[in-house]
Amino acid sequence: MEQIITIDVFSDVVCPWCYIGEKRLEQALAQRPDVRADIRWRPFQLNPDIPAGGEPWDQFVREKFGGAARAQGMFAQVAEVGREVGIDFNFERVARSPNTADAHRLLVLAGAAGVQWPLATALFRAHFSDGANLNDREQLLDIAAAAGLDRADAAACLDSDLYADVVTQSQESAAQIGVGGVPFYIFAERFAVSGAQPVGVFLRALEMATQAE
């Protein structure tokens, strides 16, 4: 008998390990056809202080990692893990580090339209594989429309402050429950998993969640 399990995912679309975690969670769910997951995106900005228009990638890398040379090894490791789950990381294509508030607002909108995770995947891919600028309005609208979100609705969202309070509240809620980094998963509102864990860890969390229901 199919069970419905909620999975709240605190994540950011510029977090490579969040992208990897999404794929590993998908693999775990594929092994549990008896479970129907209601996966809910919970906005979390890793870098909320980045200017609204983003900043040059080389500047971000210099400030966060101490320069491209130090970052190269870390990016190579991430890219290798990504290949194992079918992700093509192309860090050399990334030109800007965006402020992700608008992307999160579109993801909240996409939740009401039933295309939240297709849009999340599209945003991850656009940033990490295609080097898209997630602070460019037209590029964001193209990504949203391709993922199934009505373009006019997406444009209206971006041209307003719709869901800005949801993004802020989600960030505050994460802090209140001790989420200091992402990805962070809460299964059935009670079992937490921190980080892009191996598939087996997600499977154990799913088992605990189904037994507790």
Protein backbone atom coordinates (compact mmCIF):
# COMPACT_ATOMS: atom_id res chain seq x y z
CA MET A 1 0.00 0.00 0.00
CA GLU A 2 1.40 3.37 -1.04
CA GLN A 3 2.39 5.75 1.75
CA ILE A 4 2.64 9.52 1.40
CA ILE A 5 5.67 10.99 3.17
CA THR A 6 6.49 14.67 3.42
CA ILE A 7 10.11 15.67 2.87
CA ASP A 8 11.03 19.27 3.61
CA VAL A 9 14.22 20.28 1.85
CA PHE A 10 16.15 23.37 2.89
CA SER A 11 18.23 24.14 -0.17
CA ASP A 12 19.75 26.80 -2.40
CA VAL A 13 20.11 26.64 -6.17
CA VAL A 14 23.75 27.78 -6.05
CA CYS A 15 24.74 24.96 -3.67
CA PRO A 16 26.41 22.12 -5.61
CA TRP A 17 25.91 19.63 -2.79
CA CYS A 18 22.20 20.49 -2.79
CA TYR A 19 22.09 19.48 -6.45
CA ILE A 20 23.92 16.24 -5.66
CA GLY A 21 21.62 15.60 -2.71
CA GLU A 22 18.56 16.05 -4.91
CA LYS A 23 19.82 13.35 -7.26
CA ARG A 24 20.66 10.96 -4.44
CA LEU A 25 17.24 11.46 -2.89
CA GLU A 26 15.69 10.72 -6.29
CA GLN A 27 17.69 7.47 -6.45
CA ALA A 28 16.52 6.48 -2.98
CA LEU A 29 12.88 7.18 -3.83
CA ALA A 30 13.22 5.12 -7.01
CA GLN A 31 14.01 2.14 -4.77
CA ARG A 32 10.85 2.70 -2.73
CA PRO A 33 7.95 2.60 -5.21
CA ASP A 34 5.64 2.07 -2.23
CA VAL A 35 6.37 5.62 -1.07
CA ARG A 36 4.94 8.77 -2.64
CA ALA A 37 6.99 11.72 -1.49
CA ASP A 38 5.56 15.18 -1.06
CA ILE A 39 8.86 17.05 -1.42
CA ARG A 40 8.63 20.66 -0.29
CA TRP A 41 11.31 23.22 -1.16
CA ARG A 42 12.29 25.40 1.79
CA PRO A 43 14.22 28.51 0.70
CA PHE A 44 17.65 28.95 2.22
CA GLN A 45 20.13 31.52 0.94
CA LEU A 46 23.72 30.52 1.47
CA ASN A 47 24.84 34.05 0.65
CA PRO A 48 21.95 36.41 1.41
CA ASP A 49 24.27 39.44 1.55
CA ILE A 50 25.27 39.21 -2.10
CA PRO A 51 23.97 42.30 -3.95
CA ALA A 52 20.60 41.98 -5.69
CA GLY A 53 22.30 41.82 -9.07
CA GLY A 54 24.88 39.28 -7.99
CA GLU A 55 28.64 39.65 -8.17
CA PRO A 56 31.39 38.43 -10.52
CA TRP A 57 32.22 34.77 -9.99
CA ASP A 58 35.96 35.40 -9.72
CA GLN A 59 35.31 37.93 -6.96
CA PHE A 60 33.08 35.47 -5.11
CA VAL A 61 35.63 32.67 -5.44
CA ARG A 62 38.43 34.95 -4.24
CA GLU A 63 36.46 36.03 -1.17
CA LYS A 64 35.05 32.60 -0.27
CA PHE A 65 37.92 30.28 -1.17
CA GLY A 66 40.93 32.57 -1.26
CA GLY A 67 41.27 32.43 -5.04
CA ALA A 68 40.80 30.19 -8.05
CA ALA A 69 43.81 27.98 -7.28
CA ARG A 70 42.43 26.89 -3.91
CA ALA A 71 38.94 26.45 -5.32
CA GLN A 72 40.07 24.30 -8.25
CA GLY A 73 40.62 21.19 -6.18
CA MET A 74 37.27 21.52 -4.43
CA PHE A 75 35.45 22.05 -7.71
CA ALA A 76 37.17 19.01 -9.21
CA GLN A 77 35.99 16.85 -6.30
CA VAL A 78 32.42 18.14 -6.62
CA ALA A 79 32.46 17.54 -10.38
CA GLU A 80 33.64 13.96 -9.88
CA VAL A 81 30.84 13.22 -7.39
CA GLY A 82 28.39 14.95 -9.70
CA ARG A 83 29.28 12.67 -12.61
CA GLU A 84 28.38 9.67 -10.44
CA VAL A 85 24.78 10.92 -10.17
CA GLY A 86 24.45 12.26 -13.72
CA ILE A 87 25.30 15.93 -13.14
CA ASP A 88 27.56 17.79 -15.55
CA PHE A 89 29.20 20.51 -13.48
CA ASN A 90 30.87 23.15 -15.65
CA PHE A 91 32.29 25.61 -13.14
CA GLU A 92 34.33 27.25 -15.89
CA ARG A 93 31.10 28.51 -17.46
CA VAL A 94 29.87 30.24 -14.30
CA ALA A 95 30.39 34.00 -14.67
CA ARG A 96 28.37 35.37 -11.75
CA SER A 97 27.43 34.41 -8.23
CA PRO A 98 23.78 35.44 -7.95
CA ASN A 99 21.59 36.60 -5.14
CA THR A 100 19.06 33.77 -5.14
CA ALA A 101 16.08 35.54 -3.56
CA ASP A 102 14.23 35.83 -6.89
CA ALA A 103 14.92 32.19 -7.77
CA HIS A 104 13.49 31.14 -4.41
CA ARG A 105 10.40 33.30 -4.94
CA LEU A 106 9.79 31.59 -8.28
CA LEU A 107 10.19 28.20 -6.61
CA VAL A 108 7.52 29.08 -4.07
CA LEU A 109 5.26 30.12 -6.95
CA ALA A 110 6.09 26.89 -8.77
CA GLY A 111 4.98 24.91 -5.73
CA ALA A 112 1.44 26.17 -6.15
CA ALA A 113 1.62 25.27 -9.86
CA GLY A 114 2.90 21.74 -9.24
CA VAL A 115 6.26 22.24 -10.97
CA GLN A 116 8.50 23.09 -8.03
CA TRP A 117 11.05 20.33 -8.47
CA PRO A 118 11.23 20.53 -12.26
CA LEU A 119 12.04 24.21 -11.78
CA ALA A 120 14.58 23.50 -9.02
CA THR A 121 16.37 21.03 -11.28
CA ALA A 122 16.28 23.50 -14.16
CA LEU A 123 17.76 26.26 -11.99
CA PHE A 124 20.53 23.99 -10.72
CA ARG A 125 21.35 22.94 -14.27
CA ALA A 126 21.19 26.48 -15.62
CA HIS A 127 23.65 27.76 -13.03
CA PHE A 128 26.10 24.89 -12.76
CA SER A 129 26.04 23.38 -16.25
CA ASP A 130 25.06 26.25 -18.54
CA GLY A 131 26.50 29.23 -16.68
CA ALA A 132 23.21 31.16 -16.77
CA ASN A 133 22.89 34.39 -14.82
CA LEU A 134 20.12 33.76 -12.29
CA ASN A 135 19.81 37.49 -11.66
CA ASP A 136 18.97 38.21 -15.30
CA ARG A 137 15.20 38.61 -15.50
CA GLU A 138 14.79 37.22 -19.03
CA GLN A 139 17.01 34.24 -18.37
CA LEU A 140 15.05 33.46 -15.20
CA LEU A 141 11.78 33.70 -17.11
CA ASP A 142 13.10 31.41 -19.87
CA ILE A 143 14.15 28.82 -17.29
CA ALA A 144 10.83 29.04 -15.46
CA ALA A 145 8.76 28.73 -18.62
CA ALA A 146 10.77 25.76 -19.87
CA ALA A 147 10.15 24.04 -16.54
CA GLY A 148 6.38 24.46 -16.90
CA LEU A 149 5.70 27.65 -14.97
CA ASP A 150 3.43 30.16 -16.70
CA ARG A 151 5.71 32.90 -18.01
CA ALA A 152 3.25 35.71 -17.31
CA ASP A 153 2.79 34.52 -13.73
CA ALA A 154 6.55 34.28 -13.29
CA ALA A 155 7.01 37.79 -14.67
CA ALA A 156 4.36 39.19 -12.34
CA CYS A 157 6.13 37.53 -9.43
CA LEU A 158 9.52 38.99 -10.35
CA ASP A 159 8.02 42.44 -10.88
CA SER A 160 6.60 42.46 -7.35
CA ASP A 161 7.71 41.42 -3.89
CA LEU A 162 5.46 38.34 -3.97
CA TYR A 163 6.72 35.60 -1.63
CA ALA A 164 9.65 37.69 -0.39
CA ASP A 165 8.23 37.19 3.11
CA VAL A 166 8.13 33.41 2.58
CA VAL A 167 11.82 33.38 1.67
CA THR A 168 12.70 35.44 4.74
CA GLN A 169 10.54 33.35 7.05
CA SER A 170 12.03 30.11 5.72
CA GLN A 171 15.53 31.41 6.43
CA GLU A 172 14.48 32.37 9.95
CA SER A 173 12.80 29.01 10.53
CA ALA A 174 15.97 27.23 9.46
CA ALA A 175 17.99 29.21 11.99
CA GLN A 176 15.48 28.45 14.74
CA ILE A 177 15.80 24.69 14.27
CA GLY A 178 19.58 24.84 14.00
CA VAL A 179 20.06 24.53 10.24
CA GLY A 180 23.43 26.13 9.60
CA GLY A 181 24.05 24.74 6.14
CA VAL A 182 22.32 23.01 3.29
CA PRO A 183 21.08 20.66 2.04
CA PHE A 184 19.03 19.74 5.07
CA TYR A 185 16.11 17.30 4.93
CA ILE A 186 13.26 16.64 7.33
CA PHE A 187 11.33 13.42 6.71
CA ALA A 188 7.73 13.23 7.95
CA GLU A 189 8.37 16.37 10.01
CA ARG A 190 10.48 14.44 12.52
CA PHE A 191 13.57 12.72 11.05
CA ALA A 192 16.43 14.98 9.95
CA VAL A 193 19.23 14.30 7.48
CA SER A 194 21.99 16.85 7.06
CA GLY A 195 24.05 17.04 3.89
CA ALA A 196 24.11 15.24 0.55
CA GLN A 197 24.29 11.84 2.19
CA PRO A 198 24.72 8.52 0.36
CA VAL A 199 21.57 6.89 -1.00
CA GLY A 200 21.58 4.38 1.85
CA VAL A 201 21.15 7.13 4.43
CA PHE A 202 18.11 8.46 2.60
CA LEU A 203 16.71 4.95 2.41
CA ARG A 204 17.04 4.56 6.17
CA ALA A 205 15.31 7.89 6.72
CA LEU A 206 12.48 6.79 4.42
CA GLU A 207 12.15 3.52 6.34
CA MET A 208 11.94 5.33 9.68
CA ALA A 209 9.41 7.76 8.28
CA THR A 210 7.16 5.02 6.90
CA GLN A 211 7.29 3.04 10.12
CA ALA A 212 6.38 6.11 12.14
CA GLU A 213 3.31 6.93 10.06
